[in-house]
Structure formats: C-alpha cells, structure tokens
Amino acid sequence: MEKGTKYALFTGLGFLLGTAGVKAVTSETARKGYVHAMAQGMMAKAEYENMVEQAKAEYDDIKAEASYLAGAGKADEDKADK
C-alpha cells in the first residue's frame, strides 16, 4: 500500500471512530452511567467524611480524658506534698 493511501485510510478510519465515539459518549445510556458513577462517588465521599468526623471525635475524647487524668495525677501529688 502506498503511503498516501495508507494515511488517507487511517484518517478516514479515525474520523469514523471519533464520530462513533462522540455518539457513544453522549448517548442516554452513557449519561445514566455517568450519573450513577458520580452518585457513588458522592456517597463514598460522604461516608469518608463521616469516618473522619468520628475519628476526630474519638481523638478529642481520648485527649480530654488524658488531660483529666494528667490533672488528677498532679492534684494527687500536690496533696501528698502538703
């Protein structure tokens, strides 16, 4: 096959595939798929944020309890010194 014929064939084939690809990407079925994929992503993000908030709350509880115990231990030492 000559170079010119080969390039023309590939150009025409690329144009056809590109046109078919645009039709496939913009079809109603594809749109529904995009919507479902985005909804799943949003639900995953919300679940992740919920997990992070729970972890932060747990950390704050542990920190507060440790601070209380550290303060109570110091108060016990002060009583023993008197």
N, C-alpha and C. Protein backbone atom coordinates (compact mmCIF):
# COMPACT_ATOMS: atom_id res chain seq x y z
N MET A 1 0.84 -1.17 0.00
CA MET A 1 0.00 0.00 0.00
C MET A 1 0.89 1.23 0.00
N GLU A 2 0.52 2.22 -0.73
CA GLU A 2 1.31 3.45 -0.78
C GLU A 2 1.08 4.28 0.48
N LYS A 3 2.05 5.15 0.78
CA LYS A 3 1.95 5.98 1.99
C LYS A 3 0.70 6.86 1.96
N GLY A 4 0.44 7.49 0.84
CA GLY A 4 -0.72 8.39 0.74
C GLY A 4 -2.03 7.66 0.96
N THR A 5 -2.16 6.48 0.40
CA THR A 5 -3.38 5.68 0.57
C THR A 5 -3.50 5.23 2.02
N LYS A 6 -2.38 4.84 2.60
CA LYS A 6 -2.38 4.38 3.98
C LYS A 6 -2.81 5.51 4.93
N TYR A 7 -2.26 6.70 4.74
CA TYR A 7 -2.62 7.85 5.58
C TYR A 7 -4.07 8.24 5.39
N ALA A 8 -4.56 8.21 4.17
CA ALA A 8 -5.96 8.54 3.90
C ALA A 8 -6.88 7.53 4.57
N LEU A 9 -6.51 6.26 4.53
CA LEU A 9 -7.31 5.22 5.16
C LEU A 9 -7.35 5.42 6.67
N PHE A 10 -6.18 5.67 7.27
CA PHE A 10 -6.14 5.89 8.71
C PHE A 10 -6.89 7.16 9.12
N THR A 11 -6.81 8.20 8.32
CA THR A 11 -7.53 9.43 8.61
C THR A 11 -9.03 9.19 8.56
N GLY A 12 -9.49 8.52 7.53
CA GLY A 12 -10.92 8.21 7.41
C GLY A 12 -11.41 7.31 8.53
N LEU A 13 -10.61 6.30 8.88
CA LEU A 13 -10.96 5.40 9.96
C LEU A 13 -11.00 6.14 11.30
N GLY A 14 -10.05 7.03 11.51
CA GLY A 14 -10.03 7.83 12.74
C GLY A 14 -11.23 8.74 12.83
N PHE A 15 -11.63 9.33 11.71
CA PHE A 15 -12.81 10.19 11.69
C PHE A 15 -14.06 9.39 12.05
N LEU A 16 -14.20 8.20 11.47
CA LEU A 16 -15.36 7.36 11.75
C LEU A 16 -15.40 6.92 13.21
N LEU A 17 -14.26 6.49 13.72
CA LEU A 17 -14.21 6.09 15.13
C LEU A 17 -14.47 7.27 16.07
N GLY A 18 -13.95 8.43 15.71
CA GLY A 18 -14.19 9.63 16.51
C GLY A 18 -15.66 9.99 16.54
N THR A 19 -16.30 9.93 15.39
CA THR A 19 -17.73 10.24 15.31
C THR A 19 -18.54 9.23 16.11
N ALA A 20 -18.23 7.95 15.96
CA ALA A 20 -18.93 6.91 16.71
C ALA A 20 -18.66 7.07 18.21
N GLY A 21 -17.44 7.46 18.56
CA GLY A 21 -17.10 7.66 19.97
C GLY A 21 -17.88 8.80 20.60
N VAL A 22 -18.03 9.89 19.85
CA VAL A 22 -18.81 11.03 20.36
C VAL A 22 -20.26 10.61 20.57
N LYS A 23 -20.81 9.85 19.62
CA LYS A 23 -22.19 9.36 19.76
C LYS A 23 -22.32 8.46 20.99
N ALA A 24 -21.34 7.60 21.21
CA ALA A 24 -21.38 6.69 22.36
C ALA A 24 -21.26 7.45 23.68
N VAL A 25 -20.40 8.45 23.71
CA VAL A 25 -20.18 9.20 24.94
C VAL A 25 -21.39 10.05 25.29
N THR A 26 -22.09 10.55 24.31
CA THR A 26 -23.23 11.45 24.55
C THR A 26 -24.57 10.72 24.54
N SER A 27 -24.58 9.40 24.49
CA SER A 27 -25.84 8.66 24.47
C SER A 27 -26.53 8.71 25.83
N GLU A 28 -27.81 8.42 25.84
CA GLU A 28 -28.59 8.44 27.08
C GLU A 28 -28.10 7.35 28.04
N THR A 29 -27.75 6.20 27.53
CA THR A 29 -27.25 5.12 28.37
C THR A 29 -25.95 5.52 29.05
N ALA A 30 -25.06 6.15 28.30
CA ALA A 30 -23.79 6.60 28.88
C ALA A 30 -24.05 7.66 29.94
N ARG A 31 -24.98 8.56 29.67
CA ARG A 31 -25.30 9.62 30.62
C ARG A 31 -25.79 9.02 31.94
N LYS A 32 -26.66 8.01 31.86
CA LYS A 32 -27.13 7.35 33.07
C LYS A 32 -25.97 6.72 33.83
N GLY A 33 -25.05 6.13 33.09
CA GLY A 33 -23.87 5.55 33.73
C GLY A 33 -23.02 6.59 34.44
N TYR A 34 -22.86 7.75 33.80
CA TYR A 34 -22.09 8.84 34.42
C TYR A 34 -22.77 9.32 35.69
N VAL A 35 -24.09 9.43 35.64
CA VAL A 35 -24.84 9.89 36.81
C VAL A 35 -24.69 8.90 37.96
N HIS A 36 -24.82 7.62 37.67
CA HIS A 36 -24.68 6.61 38.72
C HIS A 36 -23.25 6.60 39.28
N ALA A 37 -22.28 6.73 38.43
CA ALA A 37 -20.88 6.75 38.89
C ALA A 37 -20.62 7.96 39.77
N MET A 38 -21.16 9.10 39.39
CA MET A 38 -20.97 10.31 40.20
C MET A 38 -21.70 10.19 41.53
N ALA A 39 -22.89 9.59 41.52
CA ALA A 39 -23.64 9.40 42.76
C ALA A 39 -22.87 8.48 43.71
N GLN A 40 -22.28 7.42 43.18
CA GLN A 40 -21.48 6.52 44.01
C GLN A 40 -20.27 7.24 44.59
N GLY A 41 -19.65 8.08 43.79
CA GLY A 41 -18.51 8.85 44.27
C GLY A 41 -18.90 9.81 45.38
N MET A 42 -20.06 10.44 45.23
CA MET A 42 -20.53 11.38 46.26
C MET A 42 -20.87 10.64 47.55
N MET A 43 -21.47 9.45 47.44
CA MET A 43 -21.78 8.66 48.64
C MET A 43 -20.49 8.21 49.32
N ALA A 44 -19.50 7.81 48.54
CA ALA A 44 -18.22 7.40 49.12
C ALA A 44 -17.56 8.57 49.84
N LYS A 45 -17.63 9.76 49.25
CA LYS A 45 -17.05 10.94 49.87
C LYS A 45 -17.76 11.25 51.19
N ALA A 46 -19.08 11.17 51.20
CA ALA A 46 -19.84 11.45 52.42
C ALA A 46 -19.50 10.44 53.51
N GLU A 47 -19.36 9.18 53.14
CA GLU A 47 -19.01 8.14 54.11
C GLU A 47 -17.60 8.38 54.66
N TYR A 48 -16.68 8.77 53.80
CA TYR A 48 -15.32 9.08 54.24
C TYR A 48 -15.32 10.24 55.22
N GLU A 49 -16.07 11.30 54.89
CA GLU A 49 -16.14 12.46 55.78
C GLU A 49 -16.74 12.07 57.12
N ASN A 50 -17.73 11.18 57.11
CA ASN A 50 -18.34 10.71 58.35
C ASN A 50 -17.31 9.95 59.19
N MET A 51 -16.52 9.10 58.56
CA MET A 51 -15.49 8.36 59.28
C MET A 51 -14.45 9.29 59.88
N VAL A 52 -14.07 10.32 59.14
CA VAL A 52 -13.08 11.28 59.63
C VAL A 52 -13.64 12.03 60.83
N GLU A 53 -14.90 12.44 60.76
CA GLU A 53 -15.52 13.15 61.88
C GLU A 53 -15.58 12.27 63.13
N GLN A 54 -15.91 10.99 62.96
CA GLN A 54 -15.95 10.07 64.09
C GLN A 54 -14.56 9.90 64.69
N ALA A 55 -13.55 9.81 63.84
CA ALA A 55 -12.18 9.67 64.34
C ALA A 55 -11.75 10.91 65.10
N LYS A 56 -12.12 12.09 64.59
CA LYS A 56 -11.78 13.34 65.29
C LYS A 56 -12.47 13.40 66.65
N ALA A 57 -13.73 12.99 66.71
CA ALA A 57 -14.46 13.00 67.98
C ALA A 57 -13.82 12.03 68.96
N GLU A 58 -13.44 10.86 68.49
CA GLU A 58 -12.78 9.88 69.36
C GLU A 58 -11.45 10.43 69.88
N TYR A 59 -10.69 11.07 68.99
CA TYR A 59 -9.42 11.68 69.40
C TYR A 59 -9.65 12.74 70.47
N ASP A 60 -10.66 13.59 70.26
CA ASP A 60 -10.94 14.63 71.25
C ASP A 60 -11.33 14.03 72.59
N ASP A 61 -12.11 12.94 72.59
CA ASP A 61 -12.49 12.27 73.84
C ASP A 61 -11.26 11.72 74.55
N ILE A 62 -10.38 11.07 73.80
CA ILE A 62 -9.17 10.50 74.39
C ILE A 62 -8.28 11.60 74.95
N LYS A 63 -8.16 12.68 74.21
CA LYS A 63 -7.32 13.81 74.65
C LYS A 63 -7.89 14.43 75.92
N ALA A 64 -9.20 14.60 75.98
CA ALA A 64 -9.82 15.18 77.16
C ALA A 64 -9.64 14.27 78.37
N GLU A 65 -9.81 12.98 78.18
CA GLU A 65 -9.64 12.03 79.28
C GLU A 65 -8.19 12.01 79.76
N ALA A 66 -7.25 12.06 78.83
CA ALA A 66 -5.83 12.08 79.21
C ALA A 66 -5.49 13.37 79.97
N SER A 67 -6.05 14.48 79.52
CA SER A 67 -5.80 15.75 80.21
C SER A 67 -6.37 15.70 81.62
N TYR A 68 -7.55 15.11 81.77
CA TYR A 68 -8.17 14.99 83.08
C TYR A 68 -7.32 14.12 84.00
N LEU A 69 -6.86 12.97 83.45
CA LEU A 69 -6.03 12.08 84.27
C LEU A 69 -4.70 12.73 84.63
N ALA A 70 -4.13 13.48 83.71
CA ALA A 70 -2.87 14.17 84.00
C ALA A 70 -3.09 15.23 85.07
N GLY A 71 -4.20 15.92 85.02
CA GLY A 71 -4.52 16.93 86.03
C GLY A 71 -4.83 16.29 87.37
N ALA A 72 -5.51 15.16 87.36
CA ALA A 72 -5.85 14.45 88.61
C ALA A 72 -4.58 13.91 89.25
N GLY A 73 -3.67 13.41 88.46
CA GLY A 73 -2.40 12.91 88.99
C GLY A 73 -1.59 14.02 89.62
N LYS A 74 -1.62 15.17 89.02
CA LYS A 74 -0.89 16.32 89.56
C LYS A 74 -1.53 16.78 90.86
N ALA A 75 -2.86 16.76 90.92
CA ALA A 75 -3.55 17.15 92.14
C ALA A 75 -3.24 16.19 93.28
N ASP A 76 -3.14 14.88 92.98
CA ASP A 76 -2.80 13.90 93.99
C ASP A 76 -1.38 14.14 94.53
N GLU A 77 -0.46 14.51 93.66
CA GLU A 77 0.91 14.81 94.09
C GLU A 77 0.93 16.04 94.99
N ASP A 78 0.13 17.05 94.64
CA ASP A 78 0.08 18.25 95.46
C ASP A 78 -0.44 17.95 96.85
N LYS A 79 -1.44 17.08 96.96
CA LYS A 79 -1.99 16.70 98.26
C LYS A 79 -0.96 15.93 99.08
N ALA A 80 -0.20 15.09 98.44
CA ALA A 80 0.81 14.28 99.14
C ALA A 80 1.94 15.15 99.65
N ASP A 81 2.25 16.23 98.94
CA ASP A 81 3.34 17.13 99.34
C ASP A 81 2.95 17.94 100.57
N LYS A 82 1.69 18.18 100.82
CA LYS A 82 1.26 19.04 101.94
C LYS A 82 1.27 18.34 103.23
